[in-house]
C-alpha atoms as a PDB file:
ATOM      1  CA  UNK A   1      95.879  66.065 215.683  1.00  0.00           C
ATOM      2  CA  UNK A   2      94.952  69.565 216.958  1.00  0.00           C
ATOM      3  CA  UNK A   3      95.580  72.507 214.685  1.00  0.00           C
ATOM      4  CA  UNK A   4      97.855  75.228 216.019  1.00  0.00           C
ATOM      5  CA  UNK A   5      95.837  78.424 216.853  1.00  0.00           C
ATOM      6  CA  UNK A   6      98.463  80.666 215.249  1.00  0.00           C
ATOM      7  CA  UNK A   7      98.210  78.753 211.951  1.00  0.00           C
ATOM      8  CA  UNK A   8      94.435  79.183 211.866  1.00  0.00           C
ATOM      9  CA  UNK A   9      94.765  82.882 212.685  1.00  0.00           C
ATOM     10  CA  UNK A  10      97.328  83.366 209.913  1.00  0.00           C
ATOM     11  CA  UNK A  11      95.017  81.689 207.378  1.00  0.00           C
ATOM     12  CA  UNK A  12      92.096  83.877 208.461  1.00  0.00           C
ATOM     13  CA  UNK A  13      94.264  86.992 208.143  1.00  0.00           C
ATOM     14  CA  UNK A  14      95.352  85.984 204.639  1.00  0.00           C
ATOM     15  CA  UNK A  15      91.739  85.425 203.566  1.00  0.00           C
ATOM     16  CA  UNK A  16      90.655  88.806 204.966  1.00  0.00           C
ATOM     17  CA  UNK A  17      93.538  90.530 203.188  1.00  0.00           C
ATOM     18  CA  UNK A  18      92.623  88.858 199.900  1.00  0.00           C
ATOM     19  CA  UNK A  19      88.979  89.882 200.275  1.00  0.00           C
ATOM     20  CA  UNK A  20      90.093  93.402 201.087  1.00  0.00           C
ATOM     21  CA  UNK A  21      92.221  93.561 197.945  1.00  0.00           C
ATOM     22  CA  UNK A  22      89.349  92.283 195.782  1.00  0.00           C
ATOM     23  CA  UNK A  23      86.869  94.769 197.246  1.00  0.00           C
ATOM     24  CA  UNK A  24      89.368  97.616 196.904  1.00  0.00           C
ATOM     25  CA  UNK A  25      90.101  96.650 193.305  1.00  0.00           C
ATOM     26  CA  UNK A  26      86.402  96.611 192.403  1.00  0.00           C
ATOM     27  CA  UNK A  27      85.901  99.959 194.160  1.00  0.00           C
ATOM     28  CA  UNK A  28      88.778 101.563 192.267  1.00  0.00           C
ATOM     29  CA  UNK A  29      87.704 100.025 188.940  1.00  0.00           C
ATOM     30  CA  UNK A  30      84.166 101.432 189.196  1.00  0.00           C
ATOM     31  CA  UNK A  31      85.526 104.924 189.771  1.00  0.00           C
ATOM     32  CA  UNK A  32      87.718 104.907 186.708  1.00  0.00           C
ATOM     33  CA  UNK A  33      86.480 106.674 183.588  1.00  0.00           C
ATOM     34  CA  UNK A  34      85.406 104.478 180.620  1.00  0.00           C
ATOM     35  CA  UNK A  35      88.421 105.750 178.656  1.00  0.00           C
ATOM     36  CA  UNK A  36      90.843 104.602 181.357  1.00  0.00           C
ATOM     37  CA  UNK A  37      89.068 101.263 181.648  1.00  0.00           C
ATOM     38  CA  UNK A  38      89.345 100.731 177.892  1.00  0.00           C
ATOM     39  CA  UNK A  39      93.031 101.677 178.012  1.00  0.00           C
ATOM     40  CA  UNK A  40      93.685  99.137 180.768  1.00  0.00           C
ATOM     41  CA  UNK A  41      91.781  96.396 178.944  1.00  0.00           C
ATOM     42  CA  UNK A  42      93.342  97.088 175.538  1.00  0.00           C
ATOM     43  CA  UNK A  43      96.950  97.775 176.558  1.00  0.00           C
ATOM     44  CA  UNK A  44      97.775  97.256 180.212  1.00  0.00           C
ATOM     45  CA  UNK A  45      96.283  93.773 180.591  1.00  0.00           C
ATOM     46  CA  UNK A  46      97.957  92.282 177.470  1.00  0.00           C
ATOM     47  CA  UNK A  47     101.258  93.839 178.549  1.00  0.00           C
ATOM     48  CA  UNK A  48     100.858  92.413 182.054  1.00  0.00           C
ATOM     49  CA  UNK A  49     100.009  88.991 180.605  1.00  0.00           C
ATOM     50  CA  UNK A  50     103.102  89.116 178.375  1.00  0.00           C
ATOM     51  CA  UNK A  51     105.258  90.125 181.332  1.00  0.00           C
ATOM     52  CA  UNK A  52     103.897  87.259 183.414  1.00  0.00           C
ATOM     53  CA  UNK A  53     104.583  84.823 180.559  1.00  0.00           C
ATOM     54  CA  UNK A  54     108.173  86.076 180.251  1.00  0.00           C
ATOM     55  CA  UNK A  55     108.692  85.828 184.013  1.00  0.00           C
ATOM     56  CA  UNK A  56     107.240  82.306 184.022  1.00  0.00           C
ATOM     57  CA  UNK A  57     109.579  81.277 181.179  1.00  0.00           C
ATOM     58  CA  UNK A  58     112.585  82.739 183.009  1.00  0.00           C
ATOM     59  CA  UNK A  59     111.523  80.949 186.203  1.00  0.00           C
ATOM     60  CA  UNK A  60     111.295  77.617 184.366  1.00  0.00           C
ATOM     61  CA  UNK A  61     114.681  78.090 182.670  1.00  0.00           C
ATOM     62  CA  UNK A  62     116.377  79.086 185.921  1.00  0.00           C
ATOM     63  CA  UNK A  63     114.805  76.076 187.640  1.00  0.00           C
ATOM     64  CA  UNK A  64     116.117  73.715 184.970  1.00  0.00           C
ATOM     65  CA  UNK A  65     119.604  75.217 185.086  1.00  0.00           C
ATOM     66  CA  UNK A  66     119.652  74.982 188.863  1.00  0.00           C
ATOM     67  CA  UNK A  67     118.470  71.385 188.737  1.00  0.00           C
ATOM     68  CA  UNK A  68     121.178  70.520 186.200  1.00  0.00           C
ATOM     69  CA  UNK A  69     123.878  72.118 188.317  1.00  0.00           C
ATOM     70  CA  UNK A  70     122.673  70.303 191.428  1.00  0.00           C
ATOM     71  CA  UNK A  71     122.658  67.026 189.495  1.00  0.00           C
ATOM     72  CA  UNK A  72     126.225  67.598 188.308  1.00  0.00           C
ATOM     73  CA  UNK A  73     127.405  68.400 191.822  1.00  0.00           C
ATOM     74  CA  UNK A  74     125.733  65.313 193.275  1.00  0.00           C
ATOM     75  CA  UNK A  75     127.099  63.165 190.451  1.00  0.00           C
ATOM     76  CA  UNK A  76     130.624  64.447 191.101  1.00  0.00           C
ATOM     77  CA  UNK A  77     130.223  63.779 194.810  1.00  0.00           C
ATOM     78  CA  UNK A  78     129.077  60.206 194.191  1.00  0.00           C
ATOM     79  CA  UNK A  79     131.931  59.570 191.753  1.00  0.00           C
ATOM     80  CA  UNK A  80     134.437  60.752 194.351  1.00  0.00           C
ATOM     81  CA  UNK A  81     132.886  58.507 196.997  1.00  0.00           C
ATOM     82  CA  UNK A  82     132.869  55.537 194.621  1.00  0.00           C
ATOM     83  CA  UNK A  83     136.549  55.946 193.780  1.00  0.00           C
ATOM     84  CA  UNK A  84     137.451  56.053 197.477  1.00  0.00           C
ATOM     85  CA  UNK A  85     135.185  53.197 198.562  1.00  0.00           C
ATOM     86  CA  UNK A  86     136.676  49.741 198.999  1.00  0.00           C
ATOM     87  CA  UNK A  87     133.592  47.790 200.043  1.00  0.00           C
ATOM     88  CA  UNK A  88     131.958  46.063 197.058  1.00  0.00           C
ATOM     89  CA  UNK A  89     128.502  46.396 198.608  1.00  0.00           C
ATOM     90  CA  UNK A  90     128.908  50.125 199.235  1.00  0.00           C
ATOM     91  CA  UNK A  91     130.343  50.643 195.753  1.00  0.00           C
ATOM     92  CA  UNK A  92     127.285  48.980 194.258  1.00  0.00           C
ATOM     93  CA  UNK A  93     124.939  51.185 196.294  1.00  0.00           C
ATOM     94  CA  UNK A  94     126.817  54.273 195.129  1.00  0.00           C
ATOM     95  CA  UNK A  95     126.704  53.075 191.515  1.00  0.00           C
ATOM     96  CA  UNK A  96     122.940  52.548 191.669  1.00  0.00           C
ATOM     97  CA  UNK A  97     122.489  56.004 193.222  1.00  0.00           C
ATOM     98  CA  UNK A  98     124.732  57.555 190.568  1.00  0.00           C
ATOM     99  CA  UNK A  99     122.670  56.172 187.686  1.00  0.00           C
ATOM    100  CA  UNK A 100     119.476  57.410 189.327  1.00  0.00           C
ATOM    101  CA  UNK A 101     120.889  60.897 189.990  1.00  0.00           C
ATOM    102  CA  UNK A 102     122.049  61.044 186.374  1.00  0.00           C
ATOM    103  CA  UNK A 103     118.463  60.284 185.282  1.00  0.00           C
ATOM    104  CA  UNK A 104     119.432  56.968 183.686  1.00  0.00           C
ATOM    105  CA  UNK A 105     121.772  58.536 181.147  1.00  0.00           C
ATOM    106  CA  UNK A 106     125.347  57.672 180.242  1.00  0.00           C
ATOM    107  CA  UNK A 107     126.304  61.278 179.464  1.00  0.00           C
ATOM    108  CA  UNK A 108     128.586  62.627 182.163  1.00  0.00           C
ATOM    109  CA  UNK A 109     129.611  59.162 183.347  1.00  0.00           C
ATOM    110  CA  UNK A 110     131.898  58.232 180.452  1.00  0.00           C
ATOM    111  CA  UNK A 111     135.097  58.433 182.512  1.00  0.00           C
ATOM    112  CA  UNK A 112     133.813  56.006 185.106  1.00  0.00           C
ATOM    113  CA  UNK A 113     131.704  53.842 182.764  1.00  0.00           C
ATOM    114  CA  UNK A 114     134.211  50.927 182.583  1.00  0.00           C
ATOM    115  CA  UNK A 115     134.257  50.668 186.388  1.00  0.00           C
ATOM    116  CA  UNK A 116     130.469  50.753 186.566  1.00  0.00           C
ATOM    117  CA  UNK A 117     130.105  48.127 183.854  1.00  0.00           C
ATOM    118  CA  UNK A 118     132.561  45.808 185.579  1.00  0.00           C
ATOM    119  CA  UNK A 119     130.701  46.296 188.867  1.00  0.00           C
ATOM    120  CA  UNK A 120     127.305  45.519 187.322  1.00  0.00           C
ATOM    121  CA  UNK A 121     128.594  42.484 185.424  1.00  0.00           C
ATOM    122  CA  UNK A 122     130.228  41.125 188.576  1.00  0.00           C
ATOM    123  CA  UNK A 123     126.968  41.636 190.446  1.00  0.00           C
ATOM    124  CA  UNK A 124     125.041  39.698 187.811  1.00  0.00           C
ATOM    125  CA  UNK A 125     127.451  36.819 188.131  1.00  0.00           C
ATOM    126  CA  UNK A 126     127.846  36.722 191.909  1.00  0.00           C
ATOM    127  CA  UNK A 127     124.557  37.938 193.392  1.00  0.00           C
ATOM    128  CA  UNK A 128     123.033  34.487 193.216  1.00  0.00           C
ATOM    129  CA  UNK A 129     119.948  33.070 194.847  1.00  0.00           C
ATOM    130  CA  UNK A 130     116.329  34.186 195.084  1.00  0.00           C
ATOM    131  CA  UNK A 131     117.016  36.661 197.902  1.00  0.00           C
ATOM    132  CA  UNK A 132     119.303  38.734 195.689  1.00  0.00           C
ATOM    133  CA  UNK A 133     117.062  38.908 192.646  1.00  0.00           C
ATOM    134  CA  UNK A 134     116.477  42.650 193.200  1.00  0.00           C
ATOM    135  CA  UNK A 135     120.192  43.355 193.113  1.00  0.00           C
ATOM    136  CA  UNK A 136     120.645  41.270 189.960  1.00  0.00           C
ATOM    137  CA  UNK A 137     117.700  42.999 188.306  1.00  0.00           C
ATOM    138  CA  UNK A 138     118.960  46.486 189.063  1.00  0.00           C
ATOM    139  CA  UNK A 139     122.429  45.546 187.835  1.00  0.00           C
ATOM    140  CA  UNK A 140     120.914  44.287 184.566  1.00  0.00           C
ATOM    141  CA  UNK A 141     118.789  47.372 183.899  1.00  0.00           C
ATOM    142  CA  UNK A 142     121.609  49.763 184.876  1.00  0.00           C
ATOM    143  CA  UNK A 143     124.022  47.829 182.684  1.00  0.00           C
ATOM    144  CA  UNK A 144     121.783  48.841 179.809  1.00  0.00           C
ATOM    145  CA  UNK A 145     122.349  52.491 180.712  1.00  0.00           C
ATOM    146  CA  UNK A 146     126.097  52.420 181.130  1.00  0.00           C
ATOM    147  CA  UNK A 147     127.235  49.339 179.224  1.00  0.00           C
ATOM    148  CA  UNK A 148     128.611  48.754 175.755  1.00  0.00           C
ATOM    149  CA  UNK A 149     128.245  45.881 173.298  1.00  0.00           C
ATOM    150  CA  UNK A 150     130.280  43.558 175.509  1.00  0.00           C
ATOM    151  CA  UNK A 151     127.474  43.721 178.059  1.00  0.00           C
ATOM    152  CA  UNK A 152     124.990  42.090 175.669  1.00  0.00           C
ATOM    153  CA  UNK A 153     126.275  38.569 176.405  1.00  0.00           C
ATOM    154  CA  UNK A 154     125.692  39.029 180.132  1.00  0.00           C
ATOM    155  CA  UNK A 155     122.216  40.467 179.600  1.00  0.00           C
ATOM    156  CA  UNK A 156     121.276  37.588 177.300  1.00  0.00           C
ATOM    157  CA  UNK A 157     122.332  35.211 180.062  1.00  0.00           C
ATOM    158  CA  UNK A 158     120.188  37.190 182.506  1.00  0.00           C
ATOM    159  CA  UNK A 159     117.187  36.533 180.257  1.00  0.00           C
ATOM    160  CA  UNK A 160     117.476  32.924 181.448  1.00  0.00           C
ATOM    161  CA  UNK A 161     117.339  33.857 185.147  1.00  0.00           C
ATOM    162  CA  UNK A 162     114.903  31.920 187.331  1.00  0.00           C
ATOM    163  CA  UNK A 163     113.351  35.139 188.639  1.00  0.00           C
ATOM    164  CA  UNK A 164     110.976  37.108 186.396  1.00  0.00           C
ATOM    165  CA  UNK A 165     112.154  40.450 187.771  1.00  0.00           C
ATOM    166  CA  UNK A 166     115.693  39.766 186.585  1.00  0.00           C
ATOM    167  CA  UNK A 167     114.499  38.655 183.152  1.00  0.00           C
ATOM    168  CA  UNK A 168     112.348  41.761 182.703  1.00  0.00           C
ATOM    169  CA  UNK A 169     115.251  43.959 183.829  1.00  0.00           C
ATOM    170  CA  UNK A 170     117.568  42.216 181.368  1.00  0.00           C
ATOM    171  CA  UNK A 171     115.081  42.890 178.577  1.00  0.00           C
ATOM    172  CA  UNK A 172     114.948  46.535 179.651  1.00  0.00           C
ATOM    173  CA  UNK A 173     118.746  46.695 179.612  1.00  0.00           C
ATOM    174  CA  UNK A 174     118.952  45.202 176.118  1.00  0.00           C
ATOM    175  CA  UNK A 175     116.402  47.715 174.907  1.00  0.00           C
ATOM    176  CA  UNK A 176     118.387  50.576 176.385  1.00  0.00           C
ATOM    177  CA  UNK A 177     121.496  49.294 174.624  1.00  0.00           C
ATOM    178  CA  UNK A 178     119.520  48.857 171.392  1.00  0.00           C
ATOM    179  CA  UNK A 179     121.260  45.515 171.076  1.00  0.00           C
ATOM    180  CA  UNK A 180     120.395  44.263 167.595  1.00  0.00           C
ATOM    181  CA  UNK A 181     122.186  40.989 168.366  1.00  0.00           C
ATOM    182  CA  UNK A 182     119.475  40.240 170.933  1.00  0.00           C
ATOM    183  CA  UNK A 183     116.506  40.618 168.586  1.00  0.00           C
ATOM    184  CA  UNK A 184     115.912  36.897 168.038  1.00  0.00           C
ATOM    185  CA  UNK A 185     116.127  36.099 171.744  1.00  0.00           C
ATOM    186  CA  UNK A 186     113.864  38.991 172.681  1.00  0.00           C
ATOM    187  CA  UNK A 187     111.336  37.963 170.043  1.00  0.00           C
ATOM    188  CA  UNK A 188     111.244  34.471 171.546  1.00  0.00           C
ATOM    189  CA  UNK A 189     110.909  35.809 175.099  1.00  0.00           C
ATOM    190  CA  UNK A 190     108.166  38.234 174.047  1.00  0.00           C
ATOM    191  CA  UNK A 191     105.999  35.262 173.077  1.00  0.00           C
ATOM    192  CA  UNK A 192     107.111  32.342 175.207  1.00  0.00           C
ATOM    193  CA  UNK A 193     108.006  33.657 178.674  1.00  0.00           C
ATOM    194  CA  UNK A 194     105.345  32.720 181.237  1.00  0.00           C
ATOM    195  CA  UNK A 195     105.485  36.145 182.932  1.00  0.00           C
ATOM    196  CA  UNK A 196     103.444  38.935 181.373  1.00  0.00           C
ATOM    197  CA  UNK A 197     105.794  41.703 182.523  1.00  0.00           C
ATOM    198  CA  UNK A 198     108.783  39.946 180.962  1.00  0.00           C
ATOM    199  CA  UNK A 199     106.921  39.521 177.673  1.00  0.00           C
ATOM    200  CA  UNK A 200     105.923  43.187 177.719  1.00  0.00           C
ATOM    201  CA  UNK A 201     109.455  44.380 178.446  1.00  0.00           C
ATOM    202  CA  UNK A 202     110.803  42.201 175.665  1.00  0.00           C
ATOM    203  CA  UNK A 203     108.345  43.751 173.206  1.00  0.00           C
ATOM    204  CA  UNK A 204     109.314  47.239 174.364  1.00  0.00           C
ATOM    205  CA  UNK A 205     112.985  46.366 173.879  1.00  0.00           C
ATOM    206  CA  UNK A 206     112.298  45.172 170.334  1.00  0.00           C
ATOM    207  CA  UNK A 207     110.539  48.451 169.561  1.00  0.00           C
ATOM    208  CA  UNK A 208     113.566  50.376 170.776  1.00  0.00           C
ATOM    209  CA  UNK A 209     115.960  48.250 168.731  1.00  0.00           C
ATOM    210  CA  UNK A 210     114.000  48.692 165.552  1.00  0.00           C
END
């Protein structure tokens, strides 16, 4: 792929400007009196460093606030779409996207949590077969984010799924729920399941529950 001539010229101009600023700065510095140089080193530089630190902190805070506002707006948009959607498949896609946008937290989704839980439980029960193991797995892990204690029974059943991905996701969901009722089952899975990822997720879930 050939580079655009204007891009190369712009880069060369930027480099020349930077070199010019450095040379000019050195030239000016050498012509300052020792007293002025000491004043700059002792007072001006620390003040400039403090100002830069304050500006950087403000920039970070503003960025976080902006990100939070954008997340809330996107979450509200997805909730509106979910409530209007009639297709079960589309509703599930929106629910998955909503959990991801909300950074896998329940906070902010309380009003719609019962609908999401029902959707995920239904998916676990009806998305059968090897080809839908990804959907079942995502439903299990997301159920751990949004679900309540009534979801534990469904996640325990998912620990018996034929596909390892679903079992590991169910273990993740139980850990997220901190389901103490699942400790014995998770302890068994952490030692006896043939899949290493499932065993690892079960151990992680136990650590969370404790």
